[in-house]
C-alpha cells in the first residue's frame, strides 16, 4: 500500500480518536473513566483541553483531505502525539493517574510512530520534489 494512503487513513482514524478524547476530557466523570482520567476537574480546564484536543482532531481531518500532505504539520503531529504519551506516563509515575491512562495514551504513541514512519518513508520523494 502507498505511504500516503496509509497516512490518510491514520489521519482519519486519529481525528476520530481525538474526538473521543475531547469528549473524555470534557466529561471525565463518565466518559473519561474509560481512559483512566481523574473524575473531578474545573470546567475551564476540561473545556479548554477538550477544545484543543478536538481542534487537533479537526486539523488531522483537514490534513487528510489535502491533495499534498504537509510534512511539517505531520512532524508537529508526531511530536504532539508522542508528547501526550510522555505526559500521561509521567502522571502515572507520580501517581496522578491509574495505569489505564497510559494504556489509553498508547494509541497516541502508535500514531506518533506511524507519522514518523511516513516522514522517513517519504523523505526521498519530498527531497526530489524540491
N, C-alpha and C. Protein backbone atom coordinates (compact mmCIF):
# COMPACT_ATOMS: atom_id res chain seq x y z
N UNK A 1 0.84 -1.18 0.00
CA UNK A 1 0.00 0.00 0.00
C UNK A 1 0.88 1.25 0.00
N UNK A 2 0.45 2.25 -0.67
CA UNK A 2 1.17 3.51 -0.81
C UNK A 2 1.23 4.26 0.53
N UNK A 3 2.40 4.81 0.89
CA UNK A 3 2.54 5.50 2.19
C UNK A 3 1.53 6.62 2.40
N UNK A 4 1.23 7.40 1.36
CA UNK A 4 0.25 8.49 1.53
C UNK A 4 -1.14 7.94 1.87
N UNK A 5 -1.51 6.82 1.25
CA UNK A 5 -2.82 6.22 1.54
C UNK A 5 -2.88 5.73 2.98
N UNK A 6 -1.78 5.14 3.45
CA UNK A 6 -1.73 4.67 4.85
C UNK A 6 -1.85 5.87 5.79
N UNK A 7 -1.11 6.93 5.49
CA UNK A 7 -1.16 8.11 6.35
C UNK A 7 -2.55 8.74 6.36
N UNK A 8 -3.18 8.84 5.20
CA UNK A 8 -4.53 9.44 5.16
C UNK A 8 -5.51 8.64 6.02
N UNK A 9 -5.43 7.33 5.96
CA UNK A 9 -6.30 6.51 6.82
C UNK A 9 -5.99 6.75 8.29
N UNK A 10 -4.70 6.83 8.61
CA UNK A 10 -4.30 7.09 10.00
C UNK A 10 -4.77 8.47 10.46
N UNK A 11 -4.70 9.46 9.58
CA UNK A 11 -5.17 10.80 9.94
C UNK A 11 -6.66 10.79 10.23
N UNK A 12 -7.44 10.09 9.41
CA UNK A 12 -8.88 9.99 9.69
C UNK A 12 -9.13 9.27 11.00
N UNK A 13 -8.38 8.20 11.23
CA UNK A 13 -8.56 7.44 12.47
C UNK A 13 -8.18 8.28 13.69
N UNK A 14 -7.11 9.03 13.61
CA UNK A 14 -6.72 9.85 14.74
C UNK A 14 -7.67 11.03 14.93
N UNK A 15 -8.33 11.47 13.86
CA UNK A 15 -9.36 12.50 14.02
C UNK A 15 -10.51 11.96 14.88
N UNK A 16 -10.89 10.72 14.63
CA UNK A 16 -11.93 10.08 15.44
C UNK A 16 -11.42 9.86 16.87
N UNK A 17 -10.18 9.39 16.99
CA UNK A 17 -9.54 9.16 18.29
C UNK A 17 -9.53 10.45 19.11
N UNK A 18 -9.18 11.57 18.46
CA UNK A 18 -9.15 12.85 19.16
C UNK A 18 -10.55 13.32 19.55
N UNK A 19 -11.53 13.05 18.72
CA UNK A 19 -12.91 13.42 19.07
C UNK A 19 -13.33 12.68 20.34
N UNK A 20 -13.03 11.39 20.39
CA UNK A 20 -13.34 10.61 21.60
C UNK A 20 -12.57 11.16 22.80
N UNK A 21 -11.30 11.51 22.58
CA UNK A 21 -10.50 12.09 23.67
C UNK A 21 -11.07 13.41 24.16
N UNK A 22 -11.51 14.25 23.23
CA UNK A 22 -12.09 15.54 23.62
C UNK A 22 -13.33 15.34 24.48
N UNK A 23 -14.16 14.39 24.11
CA UNK A 23 -15.35 14.10 24.90
C UNK A 23 -14.99 13.54 26.27
N UNK A 24 -13.95 12.71 26.31
CA UNK A 24 -13.50 12.16 27.60
C UNK A 24 -12.97 13.26 28.51
N UNK A 25 -12.21 14.22 27.95
CA UNK A 25 -11.70 15.32 28.76
C UNK A 25 -12.83 16.24 29.22
N UNK A 26 -13.84 16.41 28.39
CA UNK A 26 -14.95 17.28 28.76
C UNK A 26 -15.79 16.66 29.87
N UNK A 27 -15.98 15.36 29.83
CA UNK A 27 -16.76 14.66 30.86
C UNK A 27 -15.92 13.57 31.51
N UNK A 28 -14.93 13.95 32.32
CA UNK A 28 -14.03 12.94 32.91
C UNK A 28 -14.71 12.03 33.92
N UNK A 29 -15.81 12.47 34.51
CA UNK A 29 -16.50 11.64 35.50
C UNK A 29 -17.29 10.51 34.88
N UNK A 30 -17.54 10.57 33.57
CA UNK A 30 -18.26 9.49 32.90
C UNK A 30 -17.40 8.91 31.79
N UNK A 31 -17.36 9.55 30.63
CA UNK A 31 -16.57 9.02 29.51
C UNK A 31 -15.08 8.95 29.84
N UNK A 32 -14.60 9.91 30.59
CA UNK A 32 -13.18 9.94 30.93
C UNK A 32 -12.73 8.76 31.77
N UNK A 33 -13.66 8.12 32.46
CA UNK A 33 -13.30 6.96 33.26
C UNK A 33 -12.82 5.81 32.39
N UNK A 34 -13.28 5.77 31.13
CA UNK A 34 -12.82 4.74 30.20
C UNK A 34 -11.34 4.90 29.86
N UNK A 35 -10.82 6.13 30.02
CA UNK A 35 -9.42 6.42 29.72
C UNK A 35 -8.59 6.62 30.98
N UNK A 36 -9.16 6.37 32.15
CA UNK A 36 -8.42 6.50 33.39
C UNK A 36 -8.18 7.92 33.84
N UNK A 37 -9.03 8.85 33.40
CA UNK A 37 -8.85 10.25 33.79
C UNK A 37 -9.40 10.48 35.19
N UNK A 38 -8.82 11.43 35.92
CA UNK A 38 -9.39 11.80 37.23
C UNK A 38 -10.82 12.33 37.01
N UNK A 39 -11.73 11.97 37.88
CA UNK A 39 -13.15 12.29 37.69
C UNK A 39 -13.47 13.77 37.90
N UNK A 40 -12.70 14.45 38.72
CA UNK A 40 -13.02 15.85 39.05
C UNK A 40 -11.96 16.80 38.49
N UNK A 41 -12.43 17.84 37.82
CA UNK A 41 -11.56 18.92 37.34
C UNK A 41 -12.47 20.11 37.06
N UNK A 42 -11.99 21.32 37.27
CA UNK A 42 -12.80 22.51 36.98
C UNK A 42 -13.19 22.57 35.50
N UNK A 43 -14.38 23.07 35.23
CA UNK A 43 -14.89 23.13 33.86
C UNK A 43 -13.96 23.89 32.93
N UNK A 44 -13.36 24.97 33.39
CA UNK A 44 -12.49 25.75 32.49
C UNK A 44 -11.33 24.90 31.98
N UNK A 45 -10.78 24.03 32.80
CA UNK A 45 -9.69 23.15 32.35
C UNK A 45 -10.22 22.06 31.43
N UNK A 46 -11.34 21.47 31.80
CA UNK A 46 -11.93 20.41 30.97
C UNK A 46 -12.29 20.94 29.59
N UNK A 47 -12.96 22.09 29.55
CA UNK A 47 -13.41 22.66 28.28
C UNK A 47 -12.23 23.11 27.43
N UNK A 48 -11.23 23.71 28.06
CA UNK A 48 -10.05 24.16 27.30
C UNK A 48 -9.31 22.98 26.67
N UNK A 49 -9.10 21.95 27.46
CA UNK A 49 -8.40 20.78 26.94
C UNK A 49 -9.23 20.07 25.88
N UNK A 50 -10.53 19.95 26.11
CA UNK A 50 -11.41 19.32 25.12
C UNK A 50 -11.37 20.10 23.80
N UNK A 51 -11.38 21.43 23.89
CA UNK A 51 -11.30 22.24 22.68
C UNK A 51 -10.01 21.97 21.92
N UNK A 52 -8.88 22.00 22.63
CA UNK A 52 -7.60 21.80 21.96
C UNK A 52 -7.48 20.41 21.34
N UNK A 53 -7.89 19.40 22.06
CA UNK A 53 -7.83 18.04 21.52
C UNK A 53 -8.75 17.90 20.31
N UNK A 54 -9.95 18.47 20.40
CA UNK A 54 -10.88 18.46 19.27
C UNK A 54 -10.36 19.25 18.09
N UNK A 55 -9.73 20.39 18.37
CA UNK A 55 -9.16 21.23 17.31
C UNK A 55 -8.06 20.48 16.56
N UNK A 56 -7.20 19.78 17.30
CA UNK A 56 -6.17 18.98 16.64
C UNK A 56 -6.81 17.85 15.82
N UNK A 57 -7.88 17.26 16.32
CA UNK A 57 -8.58 16.24 15.56
C UNK A 57 -9.11 16.80 14.25
N UNK A 58 -9.67 17.99 14.28
CA UNK A 58 -10.15 18.64 13.06
C UNK A 58 -8.99 18.92 12.11
N UNK A 59 -7.85 19.28 12.67
CA UNK A 59 -6.66 19.52 11.84
C UNK A 59 -6.23 18.24 11.13
N UNK A 60 -6.28 17.11 11.83
CA UNK A 60 -5.92 15.84 11.19
C UNK A 60 -6.88 15.51 10.05
N UNK A 61 -8.16 15.77 10.25
CA UNK A 61 -9.14 15.53 9.18
C UNK A 61 -8.87 16.45 7.99
N UNK A 62 -8.60 17.71 8.27
CA UNK A 62 -8.29 18.67 7.20
C UNK A 62 -7.06 18.21 6.43
N UNK A 63 -6.03 17.78 7.15
CA UNK A 63 -4.79 17.34 6.51
C UNK A 63 -5.04 16.12 5.63
N UNK A 64 -5.89 15.22 6.08
CA UNK A 64 -6.21 14.02 5.28
C UNK A 64 -6.88 14.39 3.96
N UNK A 65 -7.55 15.51 3.91
CA UNK A 65 -8.26 15.94 2.70
C UNK A 65 -7.38 16.69 1.70
N UNK A 66 -6.20 17.08 2.12
CA UNK A 66 -5.34 17.88 1.25
C UNK A 66 -4.75 17.04 0.13
N UNK A 67 -4.60 17.66 -1.04
CA UNK A 67 -4.00 16.96 -2.17
C UNK A 67 -2.55 16.58 -1.86
N UNK A 68 -1.81 17.52 -1.27
CA UNK A 68 -0.44 17.27 -0.88
C UNK A 68 -0.36 17.36 0.64
N UNK A 69 0.13 16.31 1.27
CA UNK A 69 0.21 16.27 2.73
C UNK A 69 1.39 17.13 3.19
N UNK A 70 1.14 18.02 4.11
CA UNK A 70 2.15 18.95 4.61
C UNK A 70 3.07 18.24 5.60
N UNK A 71 4.33 18.06 5.20
CA UNK A 71 5.29 17.32 6.03
C UNK A 71 5.55 17.98 7.38
N UNK A 72 5.77 19.31 7.44
CA UNK A 72 6.00 19.91 8.76
C UNK A 72 4.82 19.71 9.72
N UNK A 73 3.60 19.74 9.19
CA UNK A 73 2.44 19.54 10.05
C UNK A 73 2.37 18.10 10.55
N UNK A 74 2.77 17.15 9.72
CA UNK A 74 2.83 15.75 10.17
C UNK A 74 3.90 15.59 11.25
N UNK A 75 5.04 16.26 11.08
CA UNK A 75 6.08 16.23 12.11
C UNK A 75 5.58 16.83 13.42
N UNK A 76 4.88 17.95 13.33
CA UNK A 76 4.29 18.59 14.50
C UNK A 76 3.31 17.63 15.19
N UNK A 77 2.50 16.95 14.38
CA UNK A 77 1.53 15.99 14.92
C UNK A 77 2.24 14.83 15.61
N UNK A 78 3.32 14.35 15.02
CA UNK A 78 4.07 13.24 15.62
C UNK A 78 4.61 13.63 17.00
N UNK A 79 5.18 14.83 17.10
CA UNK A 79 5.69 15.29 18.39
C UNK A 79 4.56 15.48 19.40
N UNK A 80 3.44 16.01 18.94
CA UNK A 80 2.30 16.20 19.84
C UNK A 80 1.76 14.89 20.37
N UNK A 81 1.62 13.91 19.49
CA UNK A 81 1.11 12.61 19.91
C UNK A 81 2.08 11.93 20.88
N UNK A 82 3.37 11.95 20.55
CA UNK A 82 4.36 11.36 21.44
C UNK A 82 4.40 12.11 22.77
N UNK A 83 4.27 13.43 22.69
CA UNK A 83 4.29 14.25 23.90
C UNK A 83 3.17 13.92 24.85
N UNK A 84 1.96 13.67 24.32
CA UNK A 84 0.86 13.32 25.21
C UNK A 84 1.13 11.99 25.91
N UNK A 85 1.70 11.04 25.18
CA UNK A 85 2.04 9.76 25.81
C UNK A 85 3.04 9.98 26.95
N UNK A 86 4.02 10.83 26.73
CA UNK A 86 5.02 11.12 27.77
C UNK A 86 4.35 11.77 28.98
N UNK A 87 3.44 12.72 28.74
CA UNK A 87 2.72 13.38 29.84
C UNK A 87 1.91 12.37 30.64
N UNK A 88 1.16 11.52 29.94
CA UNK A 88 0.35 10.51 30.63
C UNK A 88 1.22 9.55 31.43
N UNK A 89 2.35 9.15 30.86
CA UNK A 89 3.26 8.25 31.56
C UNK A 89 3.86 8.91 32.79
N UNK A 90 4.27 10.17 32.65
CA UNK A 90 4.83 10.90 33.79
C UNK A 90 3.78 11.05 34.90
N UNK A 91 2.55 11.34 34.53
CA UNK A 91 1.48 11.46 35.53
C UNK A 91 1.25 10.13 36.23
N UNK A 92 1.33 9.03 35.50
CA UNK A 92 1.19 7.71 36.12
C UNK A 92 2.34 7.43 37.08
N UNK A 93 3.56 7.79 36.66
CA UNK A 93 4.73 7.53 37.51
C UNK A 93 4.67 8.27 38.84
N UNK A 94 4.02 9.43 38.88
CA UNK A 94 3.91 10.17 40.14
C UNK A 94 2.59 9.88 40.86
N UNK A 95 1.82 8.93 40.33
CA UNK A 95 0.60 8.51 40.99
C UNK A 95 -0.62 9.38 40.76
N UNK A 96 -0.57 10.23 39.73
CA UNK A 96 -1.69 11.13 39.47
C UNK A 96 -2.81 10.48 38.65
N UNK A 97 -2.48 9.43 37.91
CA UNK A 97 -3.48 8.71 37.11
C UNK A 97 -3.21 7.21 37.22
N UNK A 98 -4.23 6.40 36.99
CA UNK A 98 -4.02 4.95 37.02
C UNK A 98 -3.33 4.46 35.74
N UNK A 99 -2.85 3.22 35.75
CA UNK A 99 -2.19 2.67 34.56
C UNK A 99 -3.07 2.72 33.31
N UNK A 100 -4.39 2.67 33.49
CA UNK A 100 -5.31 2.73 32.35
C UNK A 100 -5.09 3.98 31.51
N UNK A 101 -4.68 5.08 32.13
CA UNK A 101 -4.42 6.31 31.38
C UNK A 101 -3.25 6.13 30.41
N UNK A 102 -2.25 5.38 30.82
CA UNK A 102 -1.11 5.12 29.93
C UNK A 102 -1.54 4.18 28.81
N UNK A 103 -2.36 3.20 29.14
CA UNK A 103 -2.87 2.30 28.11
C UNK A 103 -3.66 3.10 27.07
N UNK A 104 -4.52 4.00 27.53
CA UNK A 104 -5.31 4.82 26.61
C UNK A 104 -4.41 5.73 25.77
N UNK A 105 -3.36 6.27 26.37
CA UNK A 105 -2.45 7.15 25.64
C UNK A 105 -1.53 6.39 24.69
N UNK A 106 -1.48 5.08 24.81
CA UNK A 106 -0.61 4.31 23.91
C UNK A 106 -1.09 4.42 22.46
N UNK A 107 -2.36 4.71 22.25
CA UNK A 107 -2.84 4.98 20.89
C UNK A 107 -2.13 6.18 20.29
N UNK A 108 -1.91 7.21 21.10
CA UNK A 108 -1.17 8.38 20.63
C UNK A 108 0.26 8.02 20.27
N UNK A 109 0.88 7.16 21.06
CA UNK A 109 2.24 6.73 20.75
C UNK A 109 2.26 5.96 19.42
N UNK A 110 1.26 5.14 19.20
CA UNK A 110 1.16 4.41 17.93
C UNK A 110 1.02 5.34 16.74
N UNK A 111 0.18 6.37 16.88
CA UNK A 111 0.03 7.33 15.79
C UNK A 111 1.33 8.11 15.58
N UNK A 112 2.02 8.47 16.65
CA UNK A 112 3.30 9.17 16.53
C UNK A 112 4.30 8.32 15.74
N UNK A 113 4.34 7.04 16.05
CA UNK A 113 5.25 6.13 15.33
C UNK A 113 4.87 6.04 13.86
N UNK A 114 3.59 5.95 13.57
CA UNK A 114 3.14 5.87 12.18
C UNK A 114 3.46 7.16 11.43
N UNK A 115 3.25 8.30 12.07
CA UNK A 115 3.58 9.57 11.44
C UNK A 115 5.08 9.65 11.17
N UNK A 116 5.89 9.20 12.12
CA UNK A 116 7.34 9.18 11.94
C UNK A 116 7.74 8.25 10.81
N UNK A 117 7.10 7.09 10.73
CA UNK A 117 7.36 6.16 9.62
C UNK A 117 7.09 6.82 8.29
N UNK A 118 5.95 7.52 8.18
CA UNK A 118 5.61 8.19 6.92
C UNK A 118 6.66 9.25 6.57
N UNK A 119 7.07 10.02 7.57
CA UNK A 119 8.08 11.06 7.31
C UNK A 119 9.39 10.45 6.80
N UNK A 120 9.83 9.34 7.40
CA UNK A 120 11.06 8.69 6.95
C UNK A 120 10.88 8.05 5.58
N UNK A 121 9.75 7.40 5.36
CA UNK A 121 9.50 6.69 4.11
C UNK A 121 9.41 7.64 2.93
N UNK A 122 8.86 8.80 3.13
CA UNK A 122 8.65 9.74 2.03
C UNK A 122 9.73 10.81 1.94
N UNK A 123 10.78 10.71 2.73
CA UNK A 123 11.84 11.73 2.74
C UNK A 123 12.47 11.90 1.37
N UNK A 124 12.83 10.81 0.70
CA UNK A 124 13.50 10.89 -0.60
C UNK A 124 12.60 11.54 -1.64
N UNK A 125 11.35 11.16 -1.68
CA UNK A 125 10.45 11.74 -2.69
C UNK A 125 10.19 13.22 -2.41
N UNK A 126 10.17 13.59 -1.13
CA UNK A 126 9.99 15.00 -0.78
C UNK A 126 11.19 15.82 -1.22
N UNK A 127 12.40 15.27 -1.04
CA UNK A 127 13.62 15.97 -1.46
C UNK A 127 13.66 16.10 -2.98
N UNK A 128 13.22 15.06 -3.69
CA UNK A 128 13.22 15.12 -5.15
C UNK A 128 12.21 16.14 -5.67
N UNK A 129 11.12 16.32 -4.94
CA UNK A 129 10.08 17.28 -5.35
C UNK A 129 10.56 18.72 -5.21
N UNK A 130 11.52 18.93 -4.31
CA UNK A 130 12.05 20.29 -4.13
C UNK A 130 12.97 20.56 -5.25
